Amino acid sequence: MPGRRERAVDVLVVGAGPAGLALSSRLAASGISVEVVDREDEPGGVPRDCFHSGFGLRDLLRPMTGPAYARHWADAAVRAGAVLRTGVTVTGWSDGPPADPLAVDVTSPAGLERITARAVVLATGARERPRSARLVPGTRPAGVFTTGELQRTVHLHHRPVGRRAVVVGAESVSYSAVRTLRDAGVEVVAMVTELSYHQASPAAALDARLRHGVPLLVDARVGELLGRERVSGVALRHRDGRGTAVACDTVVFTGDWIPDHELARGGGITLDHASRSPSVDGSFRTDRAGVFAVGNLLHAVEPASTAAREGLLAAEPVLRHLAGGARPSAWIPVHVEEPLLWVAPSRLDPADPRVETGGFVLRTEDRLGPWSSLVVRRDGRLLHRQRLVRGAVPGRTVRLSAAWTAKARAEVTAAAKDPDGGPVRISVER
């Protein structure tokens, strides 16, 4: 194409959040050429909009605000030698069949480019489902936000958001929205969840209810937004059939995360049918040669420290690929059964079934008591049983040890050679 620049790098990382930046810092330190692109004007992903503290405690062992955490990983990537470019949008994969090396087309204020890479890592993260995608009826009044929009409005643009707010959701990010509203001087008149309980840490829930007087309305959903020019309230539908209205001028829809999988889907990469994230093995490999996926694109949504840790762990599989490491001829699918919703990673390499993160991430649609167990089977053979000591609730992480993949390697390898064999299945015993 006339006017389009053509460039080549060893690794192209799409997404400059904690996962992409941490990965880039480790890859660049190994001496290969790494470029990170992000469509936003500033690097750092979600943390750059979270002005509260609490970041960095798990991975950096010191408390930081979200923007400071974002700057840390951006600086680490640049210091290691990675090229970091913001305001750059990947518009799609180059024409033609999948090939190695890979090529993507990008656009930026500098114009059109085609970047060819020996490996592409997708670290595009996740976003909250907005009101339109939740099919909440009503007009289109002002005063409706997601958590990210709220944080940018308050902390970056310093604009007023209202006086009385209803927060839709009761998971960790919902309480982050409550904190942002309080910082802006907004009274939170209610939190609303369709479940019978909150899905955040007990400390966060108690702080909101007891110290700040925020009522939690359970077994209720927003049936309609009221108001025309500006939100005037929400109509609630309770599980017992009652209908009530709560007056407010601001509504914040929180959680209900969607993976940003458009680029993966456009590249013909297989998506997990349940999570709609790229299906990867324990080494973050997708089924397209040379393409990896990492971070909250795979499991919306985990803390920033978890995403950064995955980025660091993904460096070794990417380097093995660049060195000509063998690629599986076939994978063994890993499926979940109700009430589990999905699992990541969702496939195993029969020759090397290790999981770089050390475990599987799952979600459940029902509350599971501490007497429940996760059970791993393949064709009826028991591979592993793990008790959920603390139970589990929807919207929060359920972790399954990957120790069984090493113990059962012989069976997993045999399964791959058995054309009539089924997938590995994870179920719940209550």
Protein backbone atom coordinates (compact mmCIF):
# COMPACT_ATOMS: atom_id res chain seq x y z
CA MET A 1 0.00 0.00 0.00
CA PRO A 2 1.45 3.41 -0.94
CA GLY A 3 2.58 5.42 2.06
CA ARG A 4 2.53 2.47 4.44
CA ARG A 5 5.73 1.87 6.39
CA GLU A 6 6.99 -1.69 6.89
CA ARG A 7 8.94 -2.67 9.98
CA ALA A 8 10.08 -5.86 11.72
CA VAL A 9 10.63 -6.81 15.37
CA ASP A 10 11.21 -10.03 17.24
CA VAL A 11 8.14 -9.70 19.47
CA LEU A 12 5.14 -7.41 19.17
CA VAL A 13 3.08 -7.00 22.36
CA VAL A 14 -0.43 -5.61 21.85
CA GLY A 15 -1.57 -3.93 25.05
CA ALA A 16 0.40 -1.82 27.54
CA GLY A 17 -1.28 -2.90 30.76
CA PRO A 18 0.54 -4.65 33.62
CA ALA A 19 0.72 -8.00 31.78
CA GLY A 20 2.08 -6.58 28.52
CA LEU A 21 4.54 -4.23 30.20
CA ALA A 22 5.88 -6.83 32.64
CA LEU A 23 6.32 -9.33 29.80
CA SER A 24 8.09 -6.73 27.66
CA SER A 25 10.49 -5.81 30.46
CA ARG A 26 11.62 -9.41 30.82
CA LEU A 27 11.80 -10.13 27.08
CA ALA A 28 13.74 -6.95 26.30
CA ALA A 29 16.19 -7.71 29.10
CA SER A 30 17.06 -10.94 27.26
CA GLY A 31 18.38 -8.93 24.32
CA ILE A 32 15.62 -9.39 21.73
CA SER A 33 13.78 -6.53 20.03
CA VAL A 34 10.39 -5.90 21.62
CA GLU A 35 7.74 -3.35 20.71
CA VAL A 36 4.64 -2.61 22.79
CA VAL A 37 1.68 -0.82 21.23
CA ASP A 38 -1.48 0.46 22.89
CA ARG A 39 -4.40 2.45 21.52
CA GLU A 40 -4.64 4.58 24.66
CA ASP A 41 -2.60 7.76 25.01
CA GLU A 42 -0.97 6.61 28.26
CA PRO A 43 0.44 3.19 29.18
CA GLY A 44 -0.56 1.23 32.25
CA GLY A 45 -4.00 -0.19 31.54
CA VAL A 46 -6.72 -0.04 34.19
CA PRO A 47 -4.42 0.90 37.14
CA ARG A 48 -3.61 4.30 35.65
CA ASP A 49 -7.21 5.36 36.39
CA CYS A 50 -7.27 3.94 39.95
CA PHE A 51 -5.96 6.67 42.22
CA HIS A 52 -6.40 4.67 45.42
CA SER A 53 -3.55 2.78 47.10
CA GLY A 54 -3.18 -0.97 47.42
CA PHE A 55 -1.28 -1.71 44.22
CA GLY A 56 2.16 -3.32 44.35
CA LEU A 57 1.74 -5.08 47.68
CA ARG A 58 1.81 -8.61 46.27
CA ASP A 59 4.41 -8.30 43.53
CA LEU A 60 6.53 -5.24 44.36
CA LEU A 61 6.15 -5.52 48.16
CA ARG A 62 5.38 -1.86 48.62
CA PRO A 63 2.09 0.08 48.54
CA MET A 64 1.47 2.22 45.48
CA THR A 65 -1.39 4.07 43.84
CA GLY A 66 -2.66 2.79 40.51
CA PRO A 67 -0.92 5.50 38.44
CA ALA A 68 2.38 4.90 40.28
CA TYR A 69 2.02 1.16 39.62
CA ALA A 70 1.38 1.82 35.93
CA ARG A 71 4.44 4.08 35.72
CA HIS A 72 6.59 1.44 37.43
CA TRP A 73 5.93 -1.19 34.76
CA ALA A 74 6.12 1.30 31.89
CA ASP A 75 9.49 2.53 33.15
CA ALA A 76 10.68 -1.06 33.66
CA ALA A 77 9.86 -1.96 30.05
CA VAL A 78 11.61 1.11 28.63
CA ARG A 79 14.66 0.68 30.86
CA ALA A 80 15.00 -2.92 29.66
CA GLY A 81 15.05 -1.72 26.06
CA ALA A 82 11.48 -2.24 24.87
CA VAL A 83 9.97 0.30 22.48
CA LEU A 84 6.73 1.60 23.99
CA ARG A 85 4.26 3.32 21.65
CA THR A 86 0.88 4.69 22.70
CA GLY A 87 -1.91 6.07 20.55
CA VAL A 88 -1.34 3.15 18.16
CA THR A 89 -4.29 0.97 17.13
CA VAL A 90 -3.87 -2.49 15.63
CA THR A 91 -6.51 -2.60 12.90
CA GLY A 92 -6.06 -6.25 11.93
CA TRP A 93 -3.85 -9.01 10.69
CA SER A 94 -2.20 -8.76 7.28
CA ASP A 95 -3.95 -10.33 4.30
CA GLY A 96 -3.33 -13.94 3.45
CA PRO A 97 -3.22 -17.20 5.41
CA PRO A 98 -1.66 -17.47 8.86
CA ALA A 99 2.09 -17.52 8.49
CA ASP A 100 5.33 -17.25 10.38
CA PRO A 101 6.55 -14.56 10.65
CA LEU A 102 3.31 -12.80 11.62
CA ALA A 103 2.24 -9.37 10.45
CA VAL A 104 -0.33 -6.88 11.70
CA ASP A 105 -1.49 -3.56 10.34
CA VAL A 106 -1.56 -0.56 12.67
CA THR A 107 -2.57 3.06 12.47
CA SER A 108 -1.39 6.03 14.49
CA PRO A 109 -0.95 9.80 14.08
CA ALA A 110 2.23 8.90 12.18
CA GLY A 111 0.20 7.03 9.54
CA LEU A 112 -0.23 3.42 8.46
CA GLU A 113 2.28 0.69 9.25
CA ARG A 114 2.69 -3.04 8.85
CA ILE A 115 4.70 -4.63 11.66
CA THR A 116 6.13 -8.10 11.12
CA ALA A 117 7.09 -10.14 14.17
CA ARG A 118 8.34 -13.60 14.96
CA ALA A 119 5.89 -13.70 17.87
CA VAL A 120 2.80 -11.67 18.76
CA VAL A 121 1.52 -11.48 22.33
CA LEU A 122 -2.06 -10.36 22.90
CA ALA A 123 -2.40 -8.52 26.21
CA THR A 124 -5.51 -6.50 25.38
CA GLY A 125 -7.21 -7.02 28.76
CA ALA A 126 -10.92 -6.74 29.48
CA ARG A 127 -13.62 -4.11 29.85
CA GLU A 128 -16.77 -3.78 31.89
CA ARG A 129 -20.04 -4.53 30.18
CA PRO A 130 -21.81 -1.18 29.66
CA ARG A 131 -25.49 -0.46 30.21
CA SER A 132 -26.30 -1.04 26.52
CA ALA A 133 -24.84 -4.55 26.56
CA ARG A 134 -26.79 -5.39 29.74
CA LEU A 135 -30.04 -4.57 27.91
CA VAL A 136 -31.32 -2.28 30.67
CA PRO A 137 -34.34 -0.41 29.23
CA GLY A 138 -35.03 3.29 29.53
CA THR A 139 -33.93 6.47 27.77
CA ARG A 140 -30.32 7.56 27.30
CA PRO A 141 -29.95 10.11 30.11
CA ALA A 142 -26.75 11.70 31.35
CA GLY A 143 -25.20 10.37 34.55
CA VAL A 144 -24.60 6.74 33.53
CA PHE A 145 -21.06 5.35 33.88
CA THR A 146 -18.96 2.23 34.07
CA THR A 147 -16.30 2.17 36.81
CA GLY A 148 -13.58 3.08 34.33
CA GLU A 149 -15.55 6.01 32.94
CA LEU A 150 -16.28 7.19 36.47
CA GLN A 151 -12.62 7.07 37.49
CA ARG A 152 -11.48 8.95 34.40
CA THR A 153 -14.18 11.59 34.88
CA VAL A 154 -13.28 12.15 38.55
CA HIS A 155 -9.51 11.74 38.62
CA LEU A 156 -8.34 12.70 35.14
CA HIS A 157 -10.89 15.23 33.91
CA HIS A 158 -11.89 16.53 37.37
CA ARG A 159 -15.53 16.89 36.40
CA PRO A 160 -18.53 16.59 38.73
CA VAL A 161 -20.54 13.39 38.38
CA GLY A 162 -23.62 14.03 40.53
CA ARG A 163 -24.85 14.04 44.11
CA ARG A 164 -26.64 10.72 44.70
CA ALA A 165 -25.45 7.49 43.10
CA VAL A 166 -26.56 3.88 42.76
CA VAL A 167 -23.80 1.34 42.14
CA VAL A 168 -24.88 -1.73 40.17
CA GLY A 169 -22.80 -4.70 41.35
CA ALA A 170 -21.21 -5.89 44.57
CA GLU A 171 -17.83 -7.30 43.57
CA SER A 172 -14.40 -5.86 44.26
CA VAL A 173 -14.51 -3.27 41.48
CA SER A 174 -17.94 -2.16 42.72
CA TYR A 175 -16.41 -1.14 46.04
CA SER A 176 -13.66 0.66 44.14
CA ALA A 177 -16.44 2.65 42.44
CA VAL A 178 -17.90 3.46 45.87
CA ARG A 179 -14.51 4.77 46.97
CA THR A 180 -14.21 6.96 43.86
CA LEU A 181 -17.72 8.37 44.38
CA ARG A 182 -16.91 9.21 48.01
CA ASP A 183 -13.72 10.97 46.87
CA ALA A 184 -15.89 13.06 44.55
CA GLY A 185 -18.27 13.99 47.36
CA VAL A 186 -21.12 11.86 46.00
CA GLU A 187 -23.49 10.06 48.37
CA VAL A 188 -23.88 6.37 47.48
CA VAL A 189 -27.53 5.66 48.26
CA ALA A 190 -27.41 1.93 47.39
CA MET A 191 -25.48 -0.94 45.91
CA VAL A 192 -27.58 -3.44 43.96
CA THR A 193 -26.81 -7.08 43.16
CA GLU A 194 -28.89 -9.87 41.66
CA LEU A 195 -27.25 -12.35 44.01
CA SER A 196 -28.09 -12.94 47.66
CA TYR A 197 -24.69 -11.72 48.89
CA HIS A 198 -21.76 -9.50 47.96
CA GLN A 199 -18.81 -10.94 46.04
CA ALA A 200 -16.00 -8.81 47.48
CA SER A 201 -13.73 -9.24 50.46
CA PRO A 202 -15.57 -9.11 53.82
CA ALA A 203 -13.41 -6.14 54.87
CA ALA A 204 -14.45 -4.05 51.86
CA ALA A 205 -18.11 -4.90 52.30
CA LEU A 206 -18.12 -4.14 56.02
CA ASP A 207 -16.29 -0.85 55.51
CA ALA A 208 -18.88 0.30 52.98
CA ARG A 209 -21.89 -0.77 55.01
CA LEU A 210 -20.86 0.01 58.58
CA ARG A 211 -18.44 2.92 58.31
CA HIS A 212 -19.98 4.68 55.31
CA GLY A 213 -23.59 3.56 55.61
CA VAL A 214 -23.99 2.23 52.06
CA PRO A 215 -26.96 -0.17 51.96
CA LEU A 216 -26.58 -3.38 49.96
CA LEU A 217 -29.76 -4.43 48.15
CA VAL A 218 -29.53 -8.14 47.31
CA ASP A 219 -31.75 -10.32 45.09
CA ALA A 220 -32.55 -7.27 42.97
CA ARG A 221 -31.76 -6.05 39.49
CA VAL A 222 -32.12 -2.77 37.66
CA GLY A 223 -35.23 -3.11 35.53
CA GLU A 224 -35.20 0.39 34.06
CA LEU A 225 -33.39 3.72 34.16
CA LEU A 226 -35.66 6.64 34.97
CA GLY A 227 -35.29 10.19 33.68
CA ARG A 228 -34.77 11.86 30.32
CA GLU A 229 -32.13 14.57 30.25
CA ARG A 230 -30.55 13.25 33.46
CA VAL A 231 -30.99 10.07 35.47
CA SER A 232 -33.65 10.59 38.13
CA GLY A 233 -33.71 7.09 39.57
CA VAL A 234 -33.65 3.37 38.93
CA ALA A 235 -36.59 0.96 38.94
CA LEU A 236 -35.63 -2.27 40.73
CA ARG A 237 -37.11 -5.71 40.25
CA HIS A 238 -36.78 -7.93 43.31
CA ARG A 239 -36.61 -11.70 43.20
CA ASP A 240 -39.83 -11.98 45.20
CA GLY A 241 -41.69 -10.02 42.53
CA ARG A 242 -41.71 -6.62 44.22
CA GLY A 243 -40.87 -3.48 42.32
CA THR A 244 -39.27 -0.44 43.95
CA ALA A 245 -37.63 2.77 42.81
CA VAL A 246 -34.50 4.45 44.16
CA ALA A 247 -34.00 8.17 43.49
CA CYS A 248 -30.52 9.12 42.21
CA ASP A 249 -28.82 11.25 39.60
CA THR A 250 -25.90 8.90 38.89
CA VAL A 251 -25.75 5.18 38.06
CA VAL A 252 -22.49 3.23 37.88
CA PHE A 253 -22.52 -0.20 36.21
CA THR A 254 -19.61 -2.21 37.60
CA GLY A 255 -17.98 -5.55 36.87
CA ASP A 256 -19.49 -8.10 34.44
CA TRP A 257 -16.24 -8.15 32.52
CA ILE A 258 -15.84 -8.81 28.79
CA PRO A 259 -12.47 -9.86 27.31
CA ASP A 260 -11.19 -7.52 24.59
CA HIS A 261 -10.94 -10.40 22.13
CA GLU A 262 -11.65 -8.64 18.82
CA LEU A 263 -8.07 -8.91 17.57
CA ALA A 264 -7.86 -12.58 18.59
CA ARG A 265 -11.13 -13.35 16.85
CA GLY A 266 -10.03 -11.48 13.72
CA GLY A 267 -6.89 -13.62 13.60
CA GLY A 268 -8.87 -16.84 13.52
CA ILE A 269 -7.74 -17.81 17.02
CA THR A 270 -10.00 -20.28 18.78
CA LEU A 271 -11.97 -18.69 21.62
CA ASP A 272 -13.16 -20.57 24.67
CA HIS A 273 -16.89 -21.05 24.13
CA ALA A 274 -17.73 -20.04 27.72
CA SER A 275 -15.34 -17.20 28.62
CA ARG A 276 -14.96 -15.89 25.03
CA SER A 277 -11.26 -15.46 25.74
CA PRO A 278 -8.52 -17.00 23.57
CA SER A 279 -8.10 -20.67 24.40
CA VAL A 280 -4.51 -21.19 25.57
CA ASP A 281 -2.41 -23.95 27.07
CA GLY A 282 -0.26 -23.69 30.18
CA SER A 283 2.42 -21.84 28.22
CA PHE A 284 0.00 -19.11 27.03
CA ARG A 285 0.06 -20.48 23.46
CA THR A 286 -3.00 -20.06 21.27
CA ASP A 287 -3.74 -22.40 18.39
CA ARG A 288 -2.20 -19.95 15.92
CA ALA A 289 1.54 -20.53 15.64
CA GLY A 290 3.57 -17.76 17.23
CA VAL A 291 0.59 -16.04 18.87
CA PHE A 292 0.36 -15.93 22.67
CA ALA A 293 -2.24 -14.42 25.00
CA VAL A 294 -1.75 -13.29 28.58
CA GLY A 295 -3.33 -11.34 31.44
CA ASN A 296 -6.95 -10.37 31.90
CA LEU A 297 -7.72 -11.11 28.27
CA LEU A 298 -7.73 -14.73 29.50
CA HIS A 299 -9.61 -14.40 32.78
CA ALA A 300 -11.59 -11.26 33.32
CA VAL A 301 -10.73 -10.06 35.77
CA GLU A 302 -7.81 -10.62 38.16
CA PRO A 303 -5.78 -8.09 40.21
CA ALA A 304 -3.10 -6.11 38.40
CA SER A 305 -0.40 -8.00 40.32
CA THR A 306 -1.69 -11.31 38.94
CA ALA A 307 -1.65 -9.94 35.40
CA ALA A 308 1.91 -8.64 35.84
CA ARG A 309 3.05 -11.97 37.27
CA GLU A 310 1.60 -13.78 34.27
CA GLY A 311 3.43 -11.40 31.97
CA LEU A 312 6.73 -12.26 33.63
CA LEU A 313 5.97 -15.99 33.43
CA ALA A 314 4.99 -15.80 29.77
CA ALA A 315 8.45 -14.58 28.79
CA GLU A 316 10.00 -18.03 28.98
CA PRO A 317 7.49 -19.72 26.61
CA VAL A 318 7.88 -16.85 24.14
CA LEU A 319 11.67 -17.21 24.24
CA ARG A 320 11.34 -20.98 23.73
CA HIS A 321 9.26 -20.29 20.64
CA LEU A 322 11.84 -17.86 19.26
CA ALA A 323 14.53 -20.48 19.81
CA GLY A 324 12.60 -22.96 17.68
CA GLY A 325 10.85 -24.89 20.44
CA ALA A 326 8.53 -27.70 19.40
CA ARG A 327 4.86 -26.93 18.96
CA PRO A 328 2.18 -29.46 20.04
CA SER A 329 0.61 -31.47 17.24
CA ALA A 330 -2.58 -31.59 19.31
CA TRP A 331 -3.94 -30.36 22.62
CA ILE A 332 -6.21 -31.96 25.17
CA PRO A 333 -9.21 -29.73 25.94
CA VAL A 334 -10.00 -28.90 29.56
CA HIS A 335 -13.73 -28.44 30.17
CA VAL A 336 -15.81 -27.52 33.21
CA GLU A 337 -19.24 -28.71 34.27
CA GLU A 338 -22.00 -26.74 35.99
CA PRO A 339 -22.01 -24.78 38.21
CA LEU A 340 -18.50 -23.87 36.99
CA LEU A 341 -18.52 -21.36 34.14
CA TRP A 342 -15.08 -21.57 32.57
CA VAL A 343 -11.42 -22.42 33.20
CA ALA A 344 -8.10 -20.91 32.08
CA PRO A 345 -5.93 -22.32 30.68
CA SER A 346 -8.44 -24.45 28.79
CA ARG A 347 -6.12 -26.93 27.07
CA LEU A 348 -3.05 -29.03 27.84
CA ASP A 349 0.03 -29.89 25.83
CA PRO A 350 0.26 -33.69 26.23
CA ALA A 351 4.05 -33.63 25.84
CA ASP A 352 4.48 -30.89 28.42
CA PRO A 353 1.29 -30.39 30.47
CA ARG A 354 2.83 -27.99 32.98
CA VAL A 355 1.02 -24.75 33.71
CA GLU A 356 3.39 -21.77 33.91
CA THR A 357 1.17 -19.92 36.39
CA GLY A 358 1.13 -22.93 38.71
CA GLY A 359 -2.63 -23.31 38.64
CA PHE A 360 -5.94 -22.97 36.85
CA VAL A 361 -8.34 -20.04 37.26
CA LEU A 362 -12.05 -20.82 37.35
CA ARG A 363 -15.36 -19.06 37.95
CA THR A 364 -18.59 -20.42 39.37
CA GLU A 365 -22.18 -19.24 38.88
CA ASP A 366 -23.31 -20.61 42.27
CA ARG A 367 -22.06 -20.18 45.79
CA LEU A 368 -19.97 -23.18 46.85
CA GLY A 369 -19.57 -24.08 50.50
CA PRO A 370 -16.26 -25.03 52.20
CA TRP A 371 -17.41 -28.65 52.08
CA SER A 372 -17.25 -28.62 48.25
CA SER A 373 -14.45 -30.12 46.18
CA LEU A 374 -13.12 -29.66 42.68
CA VAL A 375 -12.77 -33.02 40.94
CA VAL A 376 -10.65 -33.61 37.81
CA ARG A 377 -11.43 -36.62 35.63
CA ARG A 378 -10.71 -37.88 32.18
CA ASP A 379 -12.93 -40.58 30.71
CA GLY A 380 -14.13 -41.39 34.20
CA ARG A 381 -10.62 -41.78 35.65
CA LEU A 382 -9.98 -39.66 38.73
CA LEU A 383 -6.93 -37.44 38.28
CA HIS A 384 -7.28 -35.04 41.20
CA ARG A 385 -9.57 -33.89 43.99
CA GLN A 386 -9.17 -30.54 45.76
CA ARG A 387 -11.30 -29.29 48.61
CA LEU A 388 -12.41 -25.66 48.57
CA VAL A 389 -11.43 -24.79 52.11
CA ARG A 390 -13.03 -21.33 51.99
CA GLY A 391 -15.74 -22.12 49.48
CA ALA A 392 -16.33 -19.87 46.47
CA VAL A 393 -18.74 -17.20 45.25
CA PRO A 394 -19.58 -15.90 41.76
CA GLY A 395 -17.36 -13.12 40.49
CA ARG A 396 -14.35 -14.18 42.55
CA THR A 397 -11.44 -16.42 41.65
CA VAL A 398 -11.52 -20.15 42.22
CA ARG A 399 -8.06 -21.67 41.92
CA LEU A 400 -7.23 -25.27 41.08
CA SER A 401 -3.73 -26.62 41.64
CA ALA A 402 -1.86 -27.78 38.55
CA ALA A 403 0.11 -30.39 40.50
CA TRP A 404 -2.06 -33.11 39.01
CA THR A 405 -0.81 -32.35 35.48
CA ALA A 406 2.65 -33.58 36.42
CA LYS A 407 1.35 -36.53 38.42
CA ALA A 408 -0.95 -37.58 35.62
CA ARG A 409 1.46 -36.91 32.77
CA ALA A 410 1.47 -40.55 31.66
CA GLU A 411 -2.31 -40.59 31.53
CA VAL A 412 -2.45 -37.23 29.79
CA THR A 413 0.07 -38.40 27.20
CA ALA A 414 -1.89 -41.62 26.69
CA ALA A 415 -5.07 -39.58 26.31
CA ALA A 416 -3.55 -37.58 23.46
CA LYS A 417 -2.74 -40.81 21.62
CA ASP A 418 -6.27 -42.10 22.11
CA PRO A 419 -8.43 -40.75 19.27
CA ASP A 420 -11.57 -41.80 21.09
CA GLY A 421 -10.56 -40.20 24.36
CA GLY A 422 -12.42 -37.24 25.75
CA PRO A 423 -11.33 -33.98 27.34
CA VAL A 424 -10.23 -33.46 30.89
CA ARG A 425 -13.32 -32.45 32.89
CA ILE A 426 -13.48 -30.42 36.09
CA SER A 427 -16.63 -30.75 38.18
CA VAL A 428 -17.84 -29.89 41.66
CA GLU A 429 -18.72 -32.34 44.41
CA ARG A 430 -20.75 -30.67 47.14
